[in-house]
Structure formats: structure tokens, C-alpha cells
Amino acid sequence: MRRPMILRLHASGIPIDWLTLEEATMLMTRREEGAVVWTDGDARYRLHGGTNSLTGRRSFVDIPEVIGVSPPSGAFLAFEHTGFNRVLCKHREGLRCAYCGCELSRQALTIDHVLPRSRGGELSMLNAVAACRDCNALKSNRTPEEAGMALLLKPFVPTMAEVLYMMRPRTISPLQLWYLKHQFKNAGLRDYLTDALAA
């Protein structure tokens, strides 16, 4: 069974990342800049430490499901994902080929430039889609229109909330989902995001 993950947000509510219970514990015990400023879902998980030789009591730390932090001044914070990421591109498509819709493993999917590189197409989240090897080879050095291959999945730049949902642990809680889904802006483009909004 996979261990639960803790959702870390900026104090303003913008998602940052997923933390292990141990990482969250370390963060909660820090006093300097970047420490926890608020929590939600208090005492959801408990990590035990050692036993005090004088009192015989065992130490513990209660870990909430969601923590809000105040990152160090000057730390980069983005509402949307920046740059390009191959793994994220494949998960954005729900591990499906954007042309034929077949579901494949992450390793079996390739990345296709909608506007081919040889024709000035850049590698970006708006010009790249996941594609099976057959569709990528069939499309070749053409646009989808020229190849007669309709894009079933339109590329988009995901918000950080959508990124964390796409890369979510299997143990995401209803409270964690609540924080994320309120910052979805591309739900109409993918069924899994639409389904999350309805949850």
C-alpha cells in the first residue's frame, strides 16, 4: 500500500507540490522562513518518534492533509506550469494518444510536435502532444490537417493545481481534491478533470 502524501500550498492557496509524511514533519518543525503558516485536516496522520527515558512517553507529530507555507522571499511561484515536461505532457493526455485515443503506458507514448520542428515548431506544452509510435510516424513532418489526422486532445498549459492532480498519489483525500479542483481552468478539455470537478 502506498503511503499518503501531504499537499503543500503557498499560504495564498496556490499549489506547490506533494510531500511525504517525513518531509511534511521536517517542514512543520522548522522555525525559519518557509515554515508552515496554516494547516487543514489537522491530525490526519501521526508519526511516532522515540520514548522519553524520564517520562516513558513516546513522542509523536500529528500531520495534517494540507499545509500552507510562506516560501522564502524571492522564491518563484507560478499559477500555471512553466516550460515543457515530457512526463507531464503524457499525463496531461491521460496516457492516451492525442490522435487515435488509444491508452498506452507512459514509456510506450512518444511526444509529437503539432507544428513540426523542421517547420519552426517549438517544444512547448502548447505545441506538443502525446502520441503512439504509429500515429507519430504516420503524421511525420506534417501538420495534423495536412496528414488528415484530427487532434482528439487539444494541448493546453495546465495550472499547478491540474499538474498536481495529474501526478496525484493514489491516496488523494477529498480535502486535498477540494483545494486543487477550485483552481482547474482546463476541465472542459479532459474528462478526468471534469470528473474531478464533479467529485
N, C-alpha and C. Protein backbone atom coordinates (compact mmCIF):
# COMPACT_ATOMS: atom_id res chain seq x y z
N MET A 1 0.84 -1.19 0.00
CA MET A 1 0.00 0.00 0.00
C MET A 1 0.89 1.25 0.00
N ARG A 2 0.53 2.21 -0.85
CA ARG A 2 1.30 3.43 -0.92
C ARG A 2 1.00 4.32 0.27
N ARG A 3 2.04 5.00 0.74
CA ARG A 3 1.86 5.90 1.88
C ARG A 3 1.16 7.17 1.44
N PRO A 4 0.41 7.79 2.33
CA PRO A 4 -0.28 9.04 1.98
C PRO A 4 0.70 10.17 1.73
N MET A 5 0.29 11.13 0.92
CA MET A 5 1.09 12.30 0.62
C MET A 5 0.36 13.53 1.14
N ILE A 6 1.15 14.54 1.48
CA ILE A 6 0.61 15.78 2.02
C ILE A 6 0.67 16.85 0.94
N LEU A 7 -0.41 17.60 0.78
CA LEU A 7 -0.47 18.67 -0.21
C LEU A 7 0.12 19.94 0.38
N ARG A 8 1.17 20.48 -0.29
CA ARG A 8 1.78 21.74 0.16
C ARG A 8 1.31 22.86 -0.75
N LEU A 9 0.78 23.90 -0.14
CA LEU A 9 0.32 25.08 -0.86
C LEU A 9 1.09 26.30 -0.38
N HIS A 10 1.16 27.32 -1.23
CA HIS A 10 1.62 28.63 -0.78
C HIS A 10 0.54 29.12 0.18
N ALA A 11 0.89 29.98 1.10
CA ALA A 11 -0.08 30.50 2.06
C ALA A 11 -1.29 31.10 1.37
N SER A 12 -1.12 31.59 0.15
CA SER A 12 -2.22 32.19 -0.61
C SER A 12 -3.14 31.13 -1.22
N GLY A 13 -2.72 29.86 -1.21
CA GLY A 13 -3.55 28.78 -1.73
C GLY A 13 -3.06 28.18 -3.04
N ILE A 14 -2.02 28.74 -3.65
CA ILE A 14 -1.50 28.19 -4.91
C ILE A 14 -0.72 26.92 -4.62
N PRO A 15 -1.05 25.81 -5.28
CA PRO A 15 -0.37 24.53 -5.02
C PRO A 15 1.11 24.58 -5.38
N ILE A 16 1.93 23.90 -4.57
CA ILE A 16 3.37 23.83 -4.82
C ILE A 16 3.78 22.41 -5.18
N ASP A 17 3.48 21.43 -4.29
CA ASP A 17 3.90 20.06 -4.56
C ASP A 17 3.28 19.10 -3.55
N TRP A 18 3.63 17.81 -3.73
CA TRP A 18 3.25 16.76 -2.79
C TRP A 18 4.45 16.45 -1.91
N LEU A 19 4.20 16.21 -0.63
CA LEU A 19 5.25 15.88 0.33
C LEU A 19 4.99 14.51 0.95
N THR A 20 6.06 13.80 1.29
CA THR A 20 5.90 12.59 2.08
C THR A 20 5.60 13.00 3.52
N LEU A 21 5.17 12.05 4.33
CA LEU A 21 4.91 12.36 5.74
C LEU A 21 6.18 12.85 6.42
N GLU A 22 7.31 12.26 6.08
CA GLU A 22 8.58 12.67 6.69
C GLU A 22 8.97 14.08 6.27
N GLU A 23 8.79 14.41 4.99
CA GLU A 23 9.10 15.76 4.52
C GLU A 23 8.20 16.78 5.19
N ALA A 24 6.91 16.44 5.32
CA ALA A 24 5.98 17.35 5.99
C ALA A 24 6.35 17.55 7.45
N THR A 25 6.79 16.50 8.11
CA THR A 25 7.21 16.60 9.51
C THR A 25 8.39 17.54 9.66
N MET A 26 9.38 17.38 8.78
CA MET A 26 10.55 18.27 8.82
C MET A 26 10.14 19.72 8.60
N LEU A 27 9.23 19.94 7.67
CA LEU A 27 8.77 21.29 7.37
C LEU A 27 8.01 21.90 8.54
N MET A 28 7.20 21.09 9.21
CA MET A 28 6.40 21.59 10.32
C MET A 28 7.23 21.94 11.56
N THR A 29 8.42 21.37 11.65
CA THR A 29 9.25 21.66 12.83
C THR A 29 10.22 22.81 12.59
N ARG A 30 10.25 23.35 11.37
CA ARG A 30 11.13 24.47 11.06
C ARG A 30 10.56 25.77 11.62
N ARG A 31 11.44 26.65 12.01
CA ARG A 31 11.02 27.95 12.54
C ARG A 31 11.34 29.10 11.59
N GLU A 32 12.25 28.84 10.64
CA GLU A 32 12.69 29.92 9.76
C GLU A 32 11.69 30.18 8.64
N GLU A 33 12.06 31.11 7.76
CA GLU A 33 11.25 31.47 6.62
C GLU A 33 10.98 30.22 5.78
N GLY A 34 9.76 30.09 5.31
CA GLY A 34 9.39 28.92 4.53
C GLY A 34 8.66 27.87 5.35
N ALA A 35 8.46 28.17 6.64
CA ALA A 35 7.80 27.22 7.52
C ALA A 35 6.28 27.26 7.32
N VAL A 36 5.60 26.33 7.94
CA VAL A 36 4.15 26.22 7.84
C VAL A 36 3.49 27.40 8.55
N VAL A 37 2.51 28.02 7.87
CA VAL A 37 1.77 29.14 8.48
C VAL A 37 0.31 28.78 8.74
N TRP A 38 -0.21 27.75 8.06
CA TRP A 38 -1.55 27.27 8.36
C TRP A 38 -1.67 25.81 7.90
N THR A 39 -2.66 25.11 8.46
CA THR A 39 -2.90 23.71 8.10
C THR A 39 -4.39 23.46 7.99
N ASP A 40 -4.75 22.38 7.33
CA ASP A 40 -6.14 21.95 7.26
C ASP A 40 -6.14 20.42 7.29
N GLY A 41 -7.19 19.88 7.88
CA GLY A 41 -7.23 18.43 8.05
C GLY A 41 -6.28 18.00 9.15
N ASP A 42 -6.25 18.76 10.24
CA ASP A 42 -5.30 18.53 11.33
C ASP A 42 -5.39 17.11 11.89
N ALA A 43 -4.23 16.61 12.27
CA ALA A 43 -4.08 15.31 12.93
C ALA A 43 -4.64 14.15 12.11
N ARG A 44 -4.53 14.23 10.81
CA ARG A 44 -5.00 13.14 9.96
C ARG A 44 -4.05 11.95 10.07
N TYR A 45 -2.75 12.26 10.15
CA TYR A 45 -1.73 11.21 10.24
C TYR A 45 -0.86 11.47 11.45
N ARG A 46 -0.31 10.42 12.02
CA ARG A 46 0.55 10.57 13.19
C ARG A 46 1.84 9.78 12.98
N LEU A 47 2.97 10.47 13.14
CA LEU A 47 4.28 9.81 13.09
C LEU A 47 4.82 9.72 14.50
N HIS A 48 5.29 8.54 14.88
CA HIS A 48 5.82 8.33 16.22
C HIS A 48 7.34 8.43 16.23
N GLY A 49 7.86 8.96 17.31
CA GLY A 49 9.31 9.07 17.49
C GLY A 49 9.77 8.14 18.60
N GLY A 50 10.79 8.58 19.31
CA GLY A 50 11.37 7.77 20.38
C GLY A 50 10.61 7.90 21.69
N THR A 51 11.04 7.14 22.68
CA THR A 51 10.43 7.17 24.01
C THR A 51 11.34 7.94 24.96
N ASN A 52 10.74 8.86 25.73
CA ASN A 52 11.48 9.66 26.70
C ASN A 52 11.86 8.75 27.87
N SER A 53 13.16 8.72 28.21
CA SER A 53 13.62 7.82 29.27
C SER A 53 13.15 8.26 30.66
N LEU A 54 12.84 9.54 30.84
CA LEU A 54 12.37 10.02 32.13
C LEU A 54 10.88 9.82 32.33
N THR A 55 10.09 10.11 31.30
CA THR A 55 8.63 10.03 31.44
C THR A 55 8.05 8.71 30.93
N GLY A 56 8.81 8.04 30.08
CA GLY A 56 8.30 6.81 29.48
C GLY A 56 7.29 7.06 28.37
N ARG A 57 7.11 8.32 28.00
CA ARG A 57 6.16 8.66 26.95
C ARG A 57 6.85 8.68 25.59
N ARG A 58 6.13 8.21 24.62
CA ARG A 58 6.65 8.20 23.25
C ARG A 58 6.25 9.49 22.55
N SER A 59 7.20 10.10 21.87
CA SER A 59 6.90 11.34 21.16
C SER A 59 6.14 11.05 19.86
N PHE A 60 5.42 12.04 19.37
CA PHE A 60 4.70 11.91 18.10
C PHE A 60 4.48 13.29 17.50
N VAL A 61 4.23 13.30 16.21
CA VAL A 61 3.88 14.52 15.49
C VAL A 61 2.64 14.23 14.68
N ASP A 62 1.62 15.08 14.83
CA ASP A 62 0.42 14.95 14.03
C ASP A 62 0.59 15.74 12.74
N ILE A 63 0.29 15.09 11.62
CA ILE A 63 0.48 15.69 10.31
C ILE A 63 -0.88 15.92 9.66
N PRO A 64 -1.15 17.14 9.20
CA PRO A 64 -2.42 17.42 8.50
C PRO A 64 -2.36 16.98 7.04
N GLU A 65 -3.50 16.98 6.38
CA GLU A 65 -3.56 16.61 4.96
C GLU A 65 -3.03 17.71 4.06
N VAL A 66 -3.20 18.95 4.49
CA VAL A 66 -2.83 20.13 3.69
C VAL A 66 -2.07 21.10 4.56
N ILE A 67 -0.96 21.63 4.04
CA ILE A 67 -0.22 22.65 4.77
C ILE A 67 0.03 23.85 3.86
N GLY A 68 -0.10 25.03 4.46
CA GLY A 68 0.19 26.28 3.75
C GLY A 68 1.49 26.84 4.27
N VAL A 69 2.38 27.21 3.36
CA VAL A 69 3.70 27.71 3.76
C VAL A 69 3.92 29.11 3.21
N SER A 70 4.84 29.79 3.82
CA SER A 70 5.29 31.08 3.33
C SER A 70 6.70 30.87 2.80
N PRO A 71 6.85 30.67 1.47
CA PRO A 71 8.18 30.39 0.92
C PRO A 71 9.14 31.54 1.15
N PRO A 72 10.44 31.28 1.09
CA PRO A 72 11.42 32.35 1.25
C PRO A 72 11.17 33.47 0.25
N SER A 73 11.46 34.70 0.65
CA SER A 73 11.26 35.83 -0.25
C SER A 73 12.08 35.62 -1.52
N GLY A 74 11.49 35.95 -2.64
CA GLY A 74 12.16 35.78 -3.92
C GLY A 74 11.95 34.41 -4.53
N ALA A 75 11.28 33.50 -3.82
CA ALA A 75 11.02 32.16 -4.36
C ALA A 75 10.03 32.27 -5.52
N PHE A 76 10.25 31.50 -6.58
CA PHE A 76 9.39 31.54 -7.75
C PHE A 76 8.07 30.83 -7.46
N LEU A 77 6.96 31.47 -7.79
CA LEU A 77 5.64 30.89 -7.58
C LEU A 77 4.84 31.11 -8.85
N ALA A 78 4.29 30.06 -9.42
CA ALA A 78 3.55 30.18 -10.67
C ALA A 78 2.18 29.54 -10.53
N PHE A 79 1.17 30.20 -11.09
CA PHE A 79 -0.18 29.65 -11.11
C PHE A 79 -0.27 28.56 -12.17
N GLU A 80 0.44 28.75 -13.30
CA GLU A 80 0.48 27.76 -14.37
C GLU A 80 1.85 27.11 -14.45
N HIS A 81 1.88 25.92 -15.02
CA HIS A 81 3.14 25.21 -15.23
C HIS A 81 3.99 26.00 -16.23
N THR A 82 5.27 26.10 -15.98
CA THR A 82 6.15 26.81 -16.90
C THR A 82 7.09 25.82 -17.57
N GLY A 83 7.48 26.12 -18.80
CA GLY A 83 8.39 25.25 -19.52
C GLY A 83 7.70 24.02 -20.08
N PHE A 84 8.51 23.05 -20.50
CA PHE A 84 7.98 21.81 -21.07
C PHE A 84 8.47 20.62 -20.26
N ASN A 85 7.61 19.63 -20.10
CA ASN A 85 7.95 18.42 -19.37
C ASN A 85 7.31 17.23 -20.08
N ARG A 86 8.13 16.29 -20.56
CA ARG A 86 7.64 15.14 -21.32
C ARG A 86 6.67 14.27 -20.52
N VAL A 87 7.03 13.97 -19.28
CA VAL A 87 6.18 13.12 -18.44
C VAL A 87 4.84 13.80 -18.21
N LEU A 88 4.87 15.07 -17.89
CA LEU A 88 3.64 15.81 -17.65
C LEU A 88 2.77 15.87 -18.91
N CYS A 89 3.41 16.04 -20.06
CA CYS A 89 2.67 16.08 -21.33
C CYS A 89 1.90 14.77 -21.53
N LYS A 90 2.53 13.65 -21.22
CA LYS A 90 1.88 12.35 -21.38
C LYS A 90 0.73 12.19 -20.38
N HIS A 91 0.94 12.65 -19.14
CA HIS A 91 -0.13 12.56 -18.14
C HIS A 91 -1.25 13.54 -18.46
N ARG A 92 -0.92 14.69 -19.05
CA ARG A 92 -1.95 15.65 -19.43
C ARG A 92 -2.95 15.00 -20.39
N GLU A 93 -2.46 14.13 -21.28
CA GLU A 93 -3.32 13.43 -22.22
C GLU A 93 -4.01 12.22 -21.59
N GLY A 94 -3.79 11.99 -20.30
CA GLY A 94 -4.39 10.83 -19.65
C GLY A 94 -3.79 9.53 -20.11
N LEU A 95 -2.49 9.59 -20.52
CA LEU A 95 -1.75 8.44 -21.06
C LEU A 95 -2.47 7.86 -22.28
N ARG A 96 -2.96 8.76 -23.13
CA ARG A 96 -3.62 8.38 -24.37
C ARG A 96 -2.95 9.07 -25.55
N CYS A 97 -3.04 8.47 -26.71
CA CYS A 97 -2.55 9.09 -27.93
C CYS A 97 -3.53 10.20 -28.31
N ALA A 98 -3.02 11.40 -28.57
CA ALA A 98 -3.87 12.54 -28.91
C ALA A 98 -4.51 12.40 -30.28
N TYR A 99 -4.06 11.43 -31.08
CA TYR A 99 -4.60 11.25 -32.43
C TYR A 99 -5.59 10.10 -32.54
N CYS A 100 -5.24 8.94 -32.03
CA CYS A 100 -6.15 7.78 -32.16
C CYS A 100 -6.89 7.48 -30.86
N GLY A 101 -6.44 8.06 -29.76
CA GLY A 101 -7.13 7.87 -28.48
C GLY A 101 -6.79 6.59 -27.74
N CYS A 102 -5.87 5.77 -28.28
CA CYS A 102 -5.54 4.52 -27.59
C CYS A 102 -4.78 4.83 -26.29
N GLU A 103 -5.06 4.00 -25.29
CA GLU A 103 -4.41 4.17 -23.98
C GLU A 103 -3.16 3.31 -23.95
N LEU A 104 -2.04 3.92 -23.54
CA LEU A 104 -0.76 3.23 -23.51
C LEU A 104 -0.02 3.55 -22.22
N SER A 105 1.07 2.83 -21.99
CA SER A 105 1.92 3.14 -20.85
C SER A 105 2.69 4.42 -21.16
N ARG A 106 3.19 5.04 -20.14
CA ARG A 106 3.99 6.26 -20.33
C ARG A 106 5.20 6.00 -21.22
N GLN A 107 5.82 4.84 -21.04
CA GLN A 107 7.00 4.50 -21.82
C GLN A 107 6.68 4.26 -23.29
N ALA A 108 5.48 3.78 -23.59
CA ALA A 108 5.10 3.48 -24.97
C ALA A 108 4.68 4.73 -25.75
N LEU A 109 4.36 5.80 -25.06
CA LEU A 109 3.96 7.04 -25.73
C LEU A 109 5.18 7.85 -26.16
N THR A 110 5.04 8.54 -27.27
CA THR A 110 6.07 9.46 -27.75
C THR A 110 5.53 10.88 -27.66
N ILE A 111 6.39 11.85 -27.94
CA ILE A 111 5.97 13.25 -27.98
C ILE A 111 5.98 13.71 -29.44
N ASP A 112 4.87 14.28 -29.88
CA ASP A 112 4.76 14.80 -31.24
C ASP A 112 4.64 16.32 -31.21
N HIS A 113 5.38 16.98 -32.09
CA HIS A 113 5.24 18.42 -32.30
C HIS A 113 4.04 18.64 -33.23
N VAL A 114 3.02 19.34 -32.77
CA VAL A 114 1.85 19.58 -33.61
C VAL A 114 2.30 20.30 -34.89
N LEU A 115 3.00 21.41 -34.73
CA LEU A 115 3.69 22.04 -35.86
C LEU A 115 5.11 21.49 -35.82
N PRO A 116 5.52 20.72 -36.84
CA PRO A 116 6.82 20.04 -36.80
C PRO A 116 8.00 20.97 -36.52
N ARG A 117 9.00 20.43 -35.84
CA ARG A 117 10.21 21.20 -35.54
C ARG A 117 10.86 21.74 -36.81
N SER A 118 10.87 20.93 -37.86
CA SER A 118 11.52 21.34 -39.11
C SER A 118 10.83 22.54 -39.76
N ARG A 119 9.63 22.84 -39.26
CA ARG A 119 8.88 23.97 -39.83
C ARG A 119 8.71 25.09 -38.81
N GLY A 120 9.60 25.07 -37.81
CA GLY A 120 9.61 26.15 -36.83
C GLY A 120 8.82 25.87 -35.56
N GLY A 121 8.27 24.69 -35.43
CA GLY A 121 7.50 24.36 -34.23
C GLY A 121 8.41 24.19 -33.02
N GLU A 122 8.07 24.85 -31.93
CA GLU A 122 8.90 24.75 -30.72
C GLU A 122 8.39 23.64 -29.81
N LEU A 123 9.25 23.22 -28.92
CA LEU A 123 8.88 22.21 -27.93
C LEU A 123 8.26 22.95 -26.75
N SER A 124 6.94 22.96 -26.70
CA SER A 124 6.23 23.65 -25.63
C SER A 124 4.96 22.87 -25.31
N MET A 125 4.35 23.18 -24.20
CA MET A 125 3.12 22.49 -23.80
C MET A 125 1.98 22.77 -24.77
N LEU A 126 2.06 23.89 -25.52
CA LEU A 126 1.00 24.22 -26.48
C LEU A 126 1.26 23.65 -27.88
N ASN A 127 2.47 23.16 -28.13
CA ASN A 127 2.79 22.61 -29.44
C ASN A 127 3.22 21.14 -29.37
N ALA A 128 2.95 20.49 -28.26
CA ALA A 128 3.33 19.09 -28.11
C ALA A 128 2.16 18.29 -27.56
N VAL A 129 2.05 17.06 -28.04
CA VAL A 129 1.04 16.13 -27.54
C VAL A 129 1.66 14.75 -27.42
N ALA A 130 1.06 13.92 -26.60
CA ALA A 130 1.48 12.52 -26.51
C ALA A 130 0.87 11.78 -27.70
N ALA A 131 1.66 10.90 -28.29
CA ALA A 131 1.18 10.14 -29.44
C ALA A 131 1.78 8.74 -29.42
N CYS A 132 1.00 7.78 -29.93
CA CYS A 132 1.54 6.43 -30.07
C CYS A 132 2.58 6.47 -31.20
N ARG A 133 3.44 5.48 -31.25
CA ARG A 133 4.50 5.45 -32.27
C ARG A 133 3.93 5.41 -33.70
N ASP A 134 2.84 4.66 -33.89
CA ASP A 134 2.26 4.55 -35.23
C ASP A 134 1.72 5.89 -35.72
N CYS A 135 0.98 6.59 -34.86
CA CYS A 135 0.41 7.89 -35.25
C CYS A 135 1.52 8.92 -35.46
N ASN A 136 2.54 8.89 -34.60
CA ASN A 136 3.64 9.84 -34.75
C ASN A 136 4.35 9.61 -36.08
N ALA A 137 4.57 8.35 -36.44
CA ALA A 137 5.24 8.03 -37.71
C ALA A 137 4.35 8.38 -38.90
N LEU A 138 3.05 8.13 -38.80
CA LEU A 138 2.12 8.42 -39.88
C LEU A 138 2.01 9.92 -40.13
N LYS A 139 1.96 10.69 -39.06
CA LYS A 139 1.87 12.16 -39.20
C LYS A 139 3.16 12.70 -39.79
N SER A 140 4.27 12.17 -39.37
CA SER A 140 5.59 12.53 -39.88
C SER A 140 5.84 14.03 -39.79
N ASN A 141 6.28 14.62 -40.88
CA ASN A 141 6.69 16.02 -40.91
C ASN A 141 5.57 16.93 -41.43
N ARG A 142 4.34 16.61 -41.00
CA ARG A 142 3.18 17.37 -41.47
C ARG A 142 2.39 17.89 -40.28
N THR A 143 1.51 18.84 -40.54
CA THR A 143 0.57 19.29 -39.52
C THR A 143 -0.54 18.25 -39.45
N PRO A 144 -1.34 18.24 -38.38
CA PRO A 144 -2.46 17.29 -38.33
C PRO A 144 -3.41 17.44 -39.53
N GLU A 145 -3.65 18.67 -39.94
CA GLU A 145 -4.55 18.91 -41.07
C GLU A 145 -3.98 18.31 -42.35
N GLU A 146 -2.70 18.53 -42.60
CA GLU A 146 -2.06 18.00 -43.80
C GLU A 146 -2.06 16.47 -43.81
N ALA A 147 -1.93 15.88 -42.62
CA ALA A 147 -1.89 14.41 -42.51
C ALA A 147 -3.29 13.81 -42.46
N GLY A 148 -4.32 14.66 -42.37
CA GLY A 148 -5.69 14.16 -42.24
C GLY A 148 -5.93 13.46 -40.93
N MET A 149 -5.23 13.93 -39.88
CA MET A 149 -5.34 13.31 -38.55
C MET A 149 -5.84 14.36 -37.55
N ALA A 150 -7.09 14.24 -37.18
CA ALA A 150 -7.66 15.21 -36.24
C ALA A 150 -7.08 15.01 -34.85
N LEU A 151 -6.80 16.12 -34.18
CA LEU A 151 -6.34 16.07 -32.79
C LEU A 151 -7.55 15.82 -31.90
N LEU A 152 -7.58 14.68 -31.23
CA LEU A 152 -8.68 14.38 -30.30
C LEU A 152 -8.50 15.13 -28.99
N LEU A 153 -7.25 15.42 -28.64
CA LEU A 153 -6.92 16.08 -27.37
C LEU A 153 -6.15 17.36 -27.65
N LYS A 154 -6.78 18.49 -27.43
CA LYS A 154 -6.16 19.79 -27.68
C LYS A 154 -5.11 20.07 -26.59
N PRO A 155 -3.90 20.50 -26.99
CA PRO A 155 -2.88 20.81 -25.97
C PRO A 155 -3.25 22.06 -25.18
N PHE A 156 -2.82 22.10 -23.94
CA PHE A 156 -3.04 23.27 -23.09
C PHE A 156 -1.94 23.35 -22.05
N VAL A 157 -1.78 24.54 -21.47
CA VAL A 157 -0.83 24.74 -20.38
C VAL A 157 -1.61 24.54 -19.08
N PRO A 158 -1.29 23.52 -18.31
CA PRO A 158 -2.06 23.26 -17.09
C PRO A 158 -1.70 24.21 -15.95
N THR A 159 -2.68 24.43 -15.09
CA THR A 159 -2.40 25.17 -13.86
C THR A 159 -1.61 24.24 -12.95
N MET A 160 -0.97 24.79 -11.93
CA MET A 160 -0.23 23.94 -10.99
C MET A 160 -1.17 22.98 -10.26
N ALA A 161 -2.41 23.41 -10.02
CA ALA A 161 -3.39 22.52 -9.39
C ALA A 161 -3.67 21.33 -10.30
N GLU A 162 -3.79 21.58 -11.61
CA GLU A 162 -4.02 20.49 -12.56
C GLU A 162 -2.80 19.58 -12.65
N VAL A 163 -1.62 20.16 -12.60
CA VAL A 163 -0.38 19.37 -12.61
C VAL A 163 -0.36 18.41 -11.43
N LEU A 164 -0.64 18.93 -10.23
CA LEU A 164 -0.59 18.08 -9.05
C LEU A 164 -1.69 17.03 -9.08
N TYR A 165 -2.83 17.36 -9.67
CA TYR A 165 -3.89 16.35 -9.80
C TYR A 165 -3.47 15.27 -10.79
N MET A 166 -2.88 15.67 -11.92
CA MET A 166 -2.43 14.69 -12.92
C MET A 166 -1.39 13.75 -12.33
N MET A 167 -0.52 14.27 -11.48
CA MET A 167 0.57 13.49 -10.91
C MET A 167 0.23 13.03 -9.48
N ARG A 168 -1.04 13.00 -9.18
CA ARG A 168 -1.51 12.73 -7.81
C ARG A 168 -1.12 11.35 -7.31
N PRO A 169 -0.96 11.26 -6.00
CA PRO A 169 -0.77 9.93 -5.40
C PRO A 169 -2.11 9.19 -5.41
N ARG A 170 -2.06 7.90 -5.26
CA ARG A 170 -3.30 7.12 -5.25
C ARG A 170 -4.16 7.41 -4.03
N THR A 171 -3.57 7.99 -3.02
CA THR A 171 -4.29 8.21 -1.76
C THR A 171 -4.79 9.65 -1.59
N ILE A 172 -5.08 10.35 -2.67
CA ILE A 172 -5.56 11.72 -2.55
C ILE A 172 -6.87 11.74 -1.77
N SER A 173 -6.97 12.69 -0.84
CA SER A 173 -8.16 12.76 0.01
C SER A 173 -9.16 13.74 -0.58
N PRO A 174 -10.43 13.66 -0.16
CA PRO A 174 -11.43 14.61 -0.63
C PRO A 174 -11.05 16.06 -0.30
N LEU A 175 -10.41 16.30 0.84
CA LEU A 175 -9.99 17.65 1.21
C LEU A 175 -8.90 18.15 0.27
N GLN A 176 -7.93 17.32 -0.04
CA GLN A 176 -6.86 17.71 -0.96
C GLN A 176 -7.44 18.00 -2.34
N LEU A 177 -8.36 17.15 -2.80
CA LEU A 177 -9.01 17.37 -4.09
C LEU A 177 -9.77 18.69 -4.09
N TRP A 178 -10.41 19.03 -2.98
CA TRP A 178 -11.16 20.28 -2.89
C TRP A 178 -10.24 21.48 -3.13
N TYR A 179 -9.07 21.46 -2.52
CA TYR A 179 -8.12 22.57 -2.72
C TYR A 179 -7.65 22.66 -4.17
N LEU A 180 -7.44 21.52 -4.80
CA LEU A 180 -6.93 21.52 -6.17
C LEU A 180 -7.99 21.91 -7.20
N LYS A 181 -9.17 21.29 -7.11
CA LYS A 181 -10.16 21.47 -8.18
C LYS A 181 -10.70 22.88 -8.28
N HIS A 182 -10.55 23.67 -7.23
CA HIS A 182 -11.00 25.06 -7.31
C HIS A 182 -10.07 25.93 -8.14
N GLN A 183 -8.94 25.35 -8.58
CA GLN A 183 -8.01 26.09 -9.42
C GLN A 183 -7.83 25.43 -10.80
N PHE A 184 -8.76 24.54 -11.15
CA PHE A 184 -8.75 23.97 -12.50
C PHE A 184 -9.29 25.02 -13.46
N LYS A 185 -8.65 25.19 -14.61
CA LYS A 185 -9.21 26.09 -15.63
C LYS A 185 -9.36 25.40 -16.98
N ASN A 186 -8.92 24.15 -17.09
CA ASN A 186 -8.98 23.43 -18.36
C ASN A 186 -9.85 22.17 -18.28
N ALA A 187 -10.79 22.16 -17.33
CA ALA A 187 -11.58 20.96 -17.09
C ALA A 187 -12.36 20.53 -18.33
N GLY A 188 -12.79 21.48 -19.16
CA GLY A 188 -13.54 21.13 -20.35
C GLY A 188 -12.71 20.41 -21.41
N LEU A 189 -11.39 20.39 -21.23
CA LEU A 189 -10.52 19.78 -22.23
C LEU A 189 -10.15 18.33 -21.93
N ARG A 190 -10.37 17.87 -20.70
CA ARG A 190 -10.03 16.50 -20.34
C ARG A 190 -11.11 15.92 -19.42
N ASP A 191 -11.55 14.71 -19.73
CA ASP A 191 -12.60 14.06 -18.94
C ASP A 191 -12.19 13.86 -17.49
N TYR A 192 -10.92 13.50 -17.25
CA TYR A 192 -10.50 13.22 -15.87
C TYR A 192 -10.57 14.48 -15.00
N LEU A 193 -10.37 15.66 -15.59
CA LEU A 193 -10.51 16.91 -14.83
C LEU A 193 -12.00 17.23 -14.60
N THR A 194 -12.81 16.99 -15.62
CA THR A 194 -14.26 17.19 -15.47
C THR A 194 -14.81 16.28 -14.40
N ASP A 195 -14.37 15.02 -14.40
CA ASP A 195 -14.83 14.05 -13.39
C ASP A 195 -14.42 14.49 -11.98
N ALA A 196 -13.21 15.06 -11.87
CA ALA A 196 -12.73 15.52 -10.56
C ALA A 196 -13.59 16.66 -10.04
N LEU A 197 -14.01 17.55 -10.92
CA LEU A 197 -14.87 18.66 -10.50
C LEU A 197 -16.20 18.17 -9.97
N ALA A 198 -16.67 17.08 -10.52
CA ALA A 198 -17.97 16.53 -10.09
C ALA A 198 -17.87 15.73 -8.80
N ALA A 199 -16.66 15.37 -8.41
CA ALA A 199 -16.47 14.54 -7.21
C ALA A 199 -16.77 15.32 -5.94
